[in-house]
N, C-alpha and C. Protein backbone atom coordinates (compact mmCIF):
# COMPACT_ATOMS: atom_id res chain seq x y z
N UNK A 1 66.52 59.07 97.83
CA UNK A 1 67.66 59.45 97.29
C UNK A 1 67.73 60.95 97.73
N UNK A 2 68.99 61.44 98.15
CA UNK A 2 69.21 62.71 98.82
C UNK A 2 69.02 63.79 97.87
N UNK A 3 68.43 64.84 98.33
CA UNK A 3 68.11 66.09 97.49
C UNK A 3 69.44 66.76 97.08
N UNK A 4 69.38 67.71 96.19
CA UNK A 4 70.49 68.42 95.87
C UNK A 4 70.91 69.31 97.01
N UNK A 5 70.09 69.82 97.78
CA UNK A 5 70.47 70.50 99.04
C UNK A 5 71.17 69.62 99.95
N UNK A 6 70.62 68.45 100.19
CA UNK A 6 71.30 67.42 101.17
C UNK A 6 72.74 67.13 100.67
N UNK A 7 72.89 66.96 99.39
CA UNK A 7 74.24 66.75 98.91
C UNK A 7 75.19 68.07 99.13
N UNK A 8 74.69 69.03 98.92
CA UNK A 8 75.47 70.29 99.25
C UNK A 8 75.76 70.44 100.65
N UNK A 9 74.85 70.12 101.67
CA UNK A 9 75.08 70.15 102.98
C UNK A 9 76.29 69.00 103.14
N UNK A 10 76.31 67.81 102.72
CA UNK A 10 77.20 66.96 102.85
C UNK A 10 78.49 67.37 102.37
N UNK A 11 78.41 67.91 101.15
CA UNK A 11 79.82 68.50 100.62
C UNK A 11 80.32 69.47 101.60
N UNK A 12 79.77 70.22 102.09
CA UNK A 12 80.42 71.28 102.92
C UNK A 12 80.65 70.81 104.25
N UNK A 13 79.91 69.60 104.79
CA UNK A 13 80.29 68.95 106.08
C UNK A 13 81.74 68.50 105.82
N UNK A 14 81.62 67.56 104.82
CA UNK A 14 82.90 66.84 104.59
C UNK A 14 84.11 67.46 104.38
N UNK A 15 83.97 68.82 103.69
CA UNK A 15 84.89 69.72 103.47
C UNK A 15 85.44 70.26 104.81
N UNK A 16 84.52 70.68 105.66
CA UNK A 16 84.99 71.22 106.93
C UNK A 16 85.49 70.04 107.89
N UNK A 17 85.23 68.82 107.62
CA UNK A 17 85.81 67.75 108.52
C UNK A 17 87.29 67.54 107.97
N UNK A 18 87.29 67.45 106.48
CA UNK A 18 88.89 67.60 106.17
C UNK A 18 89.69 68.60 106.72
N UNK A 19 89.25 69.73 106.81
CA UNK A 19 90.01 70.73 107.39
C UNK A 19 90.33 70.49 108.91
N UNK A 20 89.52 69.93 109.62
CA UNK A 20 89.75 69.57 110.98
C UNK A 20 90.55 68.33 111.19
N UNK A 21 90.52 67.40 110.33
CA UNK A 21 91.38 66.19 110.25
C UNK A 21 92.89 66.68 109.94
N UNK A 22 92.84 67.70 109.04
CA UNK A 22 94.31 67.97 108.63
C UNK A 22 95.00 68.63 109.73
N UNK A 23 94.21 69.44 110.81
CA UNK A 23 94.71 70.22 111.70
C UNK A 23 95.08 69.29 113.05
N UNK A 24 94.43 68.10 112.98
CA UNK A 24 94.96 67.15 114.13
C UNK A 24 96.29 66.67 114.19
N UNK A 25 96.85 66.21 113.57
CA UNK A 25 96.71 65.81 111.96
C UNK A 25 96.59 64.31 111.76
N UNK A 26 95.34 64.30 110.88
CA UNK A 26 95.16 62.69 110.38
C UNK A 26 94.91 63.00 108.95
N UNK A 27 96.12 62.91 108.18
CA UNK A 27 96.04 63.38 106.74
C UNK A 27 95.45 62.13 105.88
N UNK A 28 95.51 60.90 106.25
CA UNK A 28 94.92 59.92 105.21
C UNK A 28 93.35 60.27 105.30
N UNK A 29 92.76 60.44 106.46
CA UNK A 29 91.51 60.78 106.33
C UNK A 29 90.90 62.19 105.73
N UNK A 30 91.96 62.87 106.06
CA UNK A 30 91.64 64.43 105.60
C UNK A 30 91.54 64.19 104.07
N UNK A 31 92.29 63.61 103.32
CA UNK A 31 92.25 63.41 101.85
C UNK A 31 90.91 62.42 101.53
N UNK A 32 90.63 61.61 102.27
CA UNK A 32 89.52 60.78 102.06
C UNK A 32 88.12 61.61 102.17
N UNK A 33 88.06 62.52 103.05
CA UNK A 33 87.00 63.39 103.37
C UNK A 33 86.91 64.27 102.11
N UNK A 34 88.20 64.79 101.60
CA UNK A 34 88.02 65.72 100.30
C UNK A 34 87.40 65.09 99.32
N UNK A 35 87.72 63.94 99.11
CA UNK A 35 87.13 62.96 97.97
C UNK A 35 85.52 63.12 98.19
N UNK A 36 85.20 62.61 99.47
CA UNK A 36 83.76 62.52 99.64
C UNK A 36 83.06 63.93 99.50
N UNK A 37 83.83 64.97 99.85
CA UNK A 37 83.15 66.27 99.62
C UNK A 37 82.87 66.60 98.07
N UNK A 38 83.94 66.18 97.31
CA UNK A 38 83.82 66.33 95.88
C UNK A 38 82.64 65.39 95.27
N UNK A 39 82.72 64.46 95.88
CA UNK A 39 81.52 63.41 95.26
C UNK A 39 80.32 63.93 95.51
N UNK A 40 79.98 64.49 96.69
CA UNK A 40 78.68 65.06 96.96
C UNK A 40 78.46 66.44 96.23
N UNK A 41 79.43 67.15 95.78
CA UNK A 41 79.29 68.38 95.07
C UNK A 41 78.79 67.79 93.53
N UNK A 42 79.37 66.72 93.06
CA UNK A 42 79.08 66.20 91.85
C UNK A 42 77.76 65.59 91.91
N UNK A 43 77.34 64.97 92.90
CA UNK A 43 76.07 64.49 93.05
C UNK A 43 75.00 65.61 93.12
N UNK A 44 75.34 66.80 93.64
CA UNK A 44 74.35 67.81 93.88
C UNK A 44 74.10 68.35 92.32
N UNK A 45 75.29 68.56 91.53
CA UNK A 45 74.95 69.02 90.14
C UNK A 45 74.18 67.89 89.50
N UNK A 46 74.44 66.73 89.63
CA UNK A 46 73.71 65.67 88.96
C UNK A 46 72.01 65.63 89.33
N UNK A 47 71.84 65.87 90.76
CA UNK A 47 70.72 65.81 91.36
C UNK A 47 69.85 67.07 90.77
N UNK A 48 70.33 68.02 90.33
CA UNK A 48 69.55 69.21 89.73
C UNK A 48 69.06 68.69 88.33
N UNK A 49 69.64 67.62 87.90
CA UNK A 49 68.93 67.28 86.47
C UNK A 49 68.30 65.71 86.85
N UNK A 50 67.82 65.58 88.10
CA UNK A 50 67.27 64.31 88.47
C UNK A 50 68.02 63.06 88.06
N UNK A 51 69.29 63.16 88.20
CA UNK A 51 70.18 61.92 88.05
C UNK A 51 70.97 61.57 89.46
N UNK A 52 70.73 60.43 89.87
CA UNK A 52 71.19 60.10 91.12
C UNK A 52 71.77 58.63 90.91
N UNK A 53 73.20 58.72 90.87
CA UNK A 53 73.82 57.70 90.67
C UNK A 53 73.93 56.74 91.85
N UNK A 54 73.78 55.50 91.83
CA UNK A 54 73.87 54.61 92.98
C UNK A 54 75.11 53.68 93.20
N UNK A 55 76.07 53.89 92.19
CA UNK A 55 77.49 53.17 92.42
C UNK A 55 78.54 54.27 91.91
N UNK A 56 79.61 53.86 92.28
CA UNK A 56 80.76 54.72 91.87
C UNK A 56 80.91 54.68 90.41
N UNK A 57 80.75 53.42 89.70
CA UNK A 57 80.89 53.29 88.28
C UNK A 57 79.83 54.23 87.59
N UNK A 58 78.63 54.00 88.11
CA UNK A 58 77.63 55.01 87.47
C UNK A 58 77.94 56.48 87.60
N UNK A 59 78.46 57.02 88.74
CA UNK A 59 78.88 58.32 88.90
C UNK A 59 79.97 58.57 87.95
N UNK A 60 81.04 57.76 87.88
CA UNK A 60 82.06 58.18 86.91
C UNK A 60 81.74 58.24 85.47
N UNK A 61 80.91 57.39 85.07
CA UNK A 61 80.22 57.66 83.67
C UNK A 61 79.53 58.96 83.52
N UNK A 62 78.76 59.33 84.65
CA UNK A 62 77.96 60.55 84.59
C UNK A 62 79.03 61.68 84.52
N UNK A 63 79.98 61.68 85.26
CA UNK A 63 80.88 62.81 85.24
C UNK A 63 81.56 62.92 83.86
N UNK A 64 81.91 61.97 83.33
CA UNK A 64 82.66 61.96 82.03
C UNK A 64 81.59 62.35 80.93
N UNK A 65 80.44 62.11 80.99
CA UNK A 65 79.33 62.47 80.11
C UNK A 65 78.74 63.90 80.34
N UNK A 66 78.75 64.31 81.31
CA UNK A 66 78.10 65.74 81.68
C UNK A 66 78.92 66.99 81.46
N UNK A 67 78.61 67.83 80.58
CA UNK A 67 79.35 68.97 80.14
C UNK A 67 79.94 69.76 81.50
N UNK A 68 79.10 69.92 82.36
CA UNK A 68 79.64 70.68 83.62
C UNK A 68 80.64 69.94 84.42
N UNK A 69 80.71 68.80 84.30
CA UNK A 69 81.77 67.82 85.02
C UNK A 69 82.80 67.27 84.34
N UNK A 70 82.72 67.03 83.28
CA UNK A 70 83.73 66.28 82.38
C UNK A 70 85.13 66.87 82.41
N UNK A 71 84.99 68.36 82.55
CA UNK A 71 86.42 69.03 82.58
C UNK A 71 87.04 68.63 83.98
N UNK A 72 86.42 68.10 84.90
CA UNK A 72 86.97 67.82 86.21
C UNK A 72 87.27 66.29 86.44
N UNK A 73 87.05 65.55 85.43
CA UNK A 73 87.24 64.07 85.53
C UNK A 73 88.74 63.63 86.17
N UNK A 74 89.62 64.35 85.49
CA UNK A 74 90.89 64.10 86.06
C UNK A 74 91.18 64.43 87.46
N UNK A 75 90.70 65.43 87.81
CA UNK A 75 90.93 65.90 89.28
C UNK A 75 90.12 65.00 90.24
N UNK A 76 88.79 64.61 89.89
CA UNK A 76 88.00 63.76 90.52
C UNK A 76 88.54 62.44 90.81
N UNK A 77 89.11 61.83 89.67
CA UNK A 77 89.89 60.64 89.59
C UNK A 77 90.99 60.51 90.50
N UNK A 78 91.63 61.65 90.32
CA UNK A 78 92.98 61.81 91.40
C UNK A 78 92.49 61.87 92.79
N UNK A 79 91.54 62.52 93.26
CA UNK A 79 90.94 62.59 94.56
C UNK A 79 90.48 61.14 94.96
N UNK A 80 89.80 60.36 94.13
CA UNK A 80 89.40 58.95 94.27
C UNK A 80 90.63 58.10 94.53
N UNK A 81 91.58 58.17 93.58
CA UNK A 81 92.85 57.42 93.80
C UNK A 81 93.57 57.74 95.07
N UNK A 82 93.62 58.88 95.41
CA UNK A 82 94.39 59.26 96.49
C UNK A 82 93.54 58.69 97.98
N UNK A 83 92.39 58.87 97.87
CA UNK A 83 91.35 58.17 98.88
C UNK A 83 91.53 56.73 99.02
N UNK A 84 91.69 56.03 97.84
CA UNK A 84 92.00 54.51 97.73
C UNK A 84 93.42 54.30 98.34
N UNK A 85 94.33 55.03 97.93
CA UNK A 85 95.68 54.99 98.60
C UNK A 85 95.59 54.90 100.14
N UNK A 86 94.92 55.91 100.55
CA UNK A 86 94.82 55.96 102.12
C UNK A 86 93.92 54.68 102.68
N UNK A 87 92.81 54.33 102.02
CA UNK A 87 92.02 53.47 102.65
C UNK A 87 92.44 52.00 102.36
N UNK A 88 92.89 51.69 101.13
CA UNK A 88 93.11 50.35 100.83
C UNK A 88 94.63 49.93 100.58
N UNK A 89 95.43 51.00 100.27
CA UNK A 89 96.73 50.58 100.09
C UNK A 89 97.67 51.00 101.25
N UNK A 90 97.04 51.63 102.28
CA UNK A 90 97.63 52.07 103.45
C UNK A 90 98.98 53.05 103.25
N UNK A 91 98.94 53.81 102.23
CA UNK A 91 100.19 54.80 101.98
C UNK A 91 100.08 55.84 103.01
N UNK A 92 101.03 56.22 103.53
CA UNK A 92 101.23 57.35 104.33
C UNK A 92 101.03 58.71 103.82
N UNK A 93 100.60 59.66 104.45
CA UNK A 93 100.28 61.00 103.73
C UNK A 93 100.89 62.06 104.55
N UNK A 94 101.51 63.22 104.05
CA UNK A 94 102.11 64.25 104.85
C UNK A 94 101.37 65.57 104.58
N UNK A 95 101.64 66.52 105.44
CA UNK A 95 100.86 67.83 105.17
C UNK A 95 101.08 68.34 103.68
N UNK A 96 102.33 67.98 103.16
CA UNK A 96 102.59 68.49 101.89
C UNK A 96 101.62 67.75 100.90
N UNK A 97 101.42 66.49 101.05
CA UNK A 97 100.53 65.76 100.24
C UNK A 97 99.22 66.24 100.25
N UNK A 98 98.52 66.51 101.44
CA UNK A 98 97.25 67.08 101.78
C UNK A 98 97.08 68.37 101.08
N UNK A 99 98.11 69.28 101.09
CA UNK A 99 98.03 70.47 100.61
C UNK A 99 98.12 70.40 99.16
N UNK A 100 98.81 69.53 98.57
CA UNK A 100 98.81 69.54 97.17
C UNK A 100 97.61 68.97 96.58
N UNK A 101 97.11 67.97 97.24
CA UNK A 101 95.88 67.37 96.92
C UNK A 101 94.70 68.51 96.81
N UNK A 102 94.67 69.15 97.93
CA UNK A 102 93.85 70.36 98.03
C UNK A 102 93.81 71.28 96.99
N UNK A 103 94.87 71.77 96.69
CA UNK A 103 95.32 72.85 95.75
C UNK A 103 95.11 72.22 94.19
N UNK A 104 95.43 71.03 93.95
CA UNK A 104 95.58 70.75 92.64
C UNK A 104 94.36 69.83 92.19
N UNK A 105 93.52 69.31 93.16
CA UNK A 105 92.36 68.34 92.73
C UNK A 105 91.08 68.86 93.40
N UNK A 106 91.18 69.05 94.65
CA UNK A 106 89.81 69.42 95.35
C UNK A 106 89.43 70.94 94.96
N UNK A 107 90.35 71.75 95.15
CA UNK A 107 89.87 73.22 95.00
C UNK A 107 89.55 73.38 93.59
N UNK A 108 90.15 72.87 92.65
CA UNK A 108 89.51 73.22 91.26
C UNK A 108 88.06 72.65 90.98
N UNK A 109 87.86 71.50 91.52
CA UNK A 109 86.39 71.00 91.41
C UNK A 109 85.44 71.89 92.38
N UNK A 110 85.92 72.31 93.59
CA UNK A 110 84.89 73.01 94.42
C UNK A 110 84.70 74.30 93.65
N UNK A 111 85.90 75.12 93.30
CA UNK A 111 85.59 76.55 92.87
C UNK A 111 85.02 76.47 91.51
N UNK A 112 84.87 75.45 90.73
CA UNK A 112 84.27 75.45 89.58
C UNK A 112 82.74 75.06 89.72
N UNK A 113 82.52 74.14 90.56
CA UNK A 113 81.20 73.86 90.77
C UNK A 113 80.25 74.46 91.79
N UNK A 114 80.95 75.15 92.73
CA UNK A 114 80.17 76.01 93.74
C UNK A 114 79.25 77.07 93.16
N UNK A 115 79.78 77.86 92.10
CA UNK A 115 78.90 78.80 91.58
C UNK A 115 77.60 78.18 91.06
N UNK A 116 77.54 76.87 90.50
CA UNK A 116 76.54 76.24 89.74
C UNK A 116 75.58 75.87 90.86
N UNK A 117 76.00 75.84 92.15
CA UNK A 117 75.24 75.28 93.24
C UNK A 117 74.85 76.33 94.27
N UNK A 118 75.43 77.57 93.84
CA UNK A 118 75.07 78.73 94.77
C UNK A 118 75.85 79.04 95.96
N UNK A 119 77.07 78.23 95.86
CA UNK A 119 78.07 78.49 96.88
C UNK A 119 79.10 79.45 96.60
N UNK A 120 79.55 80.20 97.67
CA UNK A 120 80.57 81.09 97.27
C UNK A 120 82.06 80.81 97.83
N UNK A 121 82.07 79.91 98.80
CA UNK A 121 83.52 79.62 99.27
C UNK A 121 83.62 78.20 99.69
N UNK A 122 84.81 77.74 99.65
CA UNK A 122 85.06 76.31 99.98
C UNK A 122 85.13 76.38 101.65
N UNK A 123 84.87 75.09 102.25
CA UNK A 123 84.87 74.94 103.53
C UNK A 123 86.19 75.31 104.12
N UNK A 124 86.40 76.18 105.12
CA UNK A 124 87.78 76.28 105.79
C UNK A 124 87.86 75.94 107.31
N UNK A 125 86.62 75.88 107.70
CA UNK A 125 86.67 75.67 109.29
C UNK A 125 85.82 74.37 109.50
N UNK A 126 86.15 73.72 110.55
CA UNK A 126 85.27 72.57 110.87
C UNK A 126 83.86 72.78 111.09
N UNK A 127 82.88 71.97 110.72
CA UNK A 127 81.48 72.42 110.98
C UNK A 127 81.24 72.36 112.53
N UNK A 128 80.28 73.30 112.75
CA UNK A 128 80.09 73.49 114.22
C UNK A 128 79.64 72.26 115.07
N UNK A 129 79.11 71.29 114.46
CA UNK A 129 78.63 70.11 115.17
C UNK A 129 79.73 68.95 115.26
N UNK A 130 81.00 69.24 114.70
CA UNK A 130 82.15 68.37 114.45
C UNK A 130 82.73 68.12 116.09
N UNK A 131 82.88 66.83 116.46
CA UNK A 131 83.42 66.62 117.52
C UNK A 131 84.62 65.78 117.45
N UNK A 132 85.84 66.30 117.70
CA UNK A 132 87.10 65.38 117.53
C UNK A 132 87.10 64.37 118.36
């Protein structure tokens, strides 16, 4: 199972990838990588308590029961739904959609959980090893 730090690293990586995809622009995958960035932030918080969800359903239950995460259930669910809109329902996304998703769902999760994980800022630039 990934460690707390591995989840943090993956959250930062996915957040940077989301920014790069947004700049290309590949909006559907930008939203999807925001969701996976948030997922790894959640998993990092859970890993600190030796909880390692193995399914989305298990993670969803953990989010709803954990006091540090429960306040973000609506934002997390919105990110998940938008990611599924992109991946399964083939809905188109615009720059406005991506900005709204970032501001209204992704940023609140990141900004609330980051201090618990020793992080100071949201990823703004693509990771150094990202190759478009």
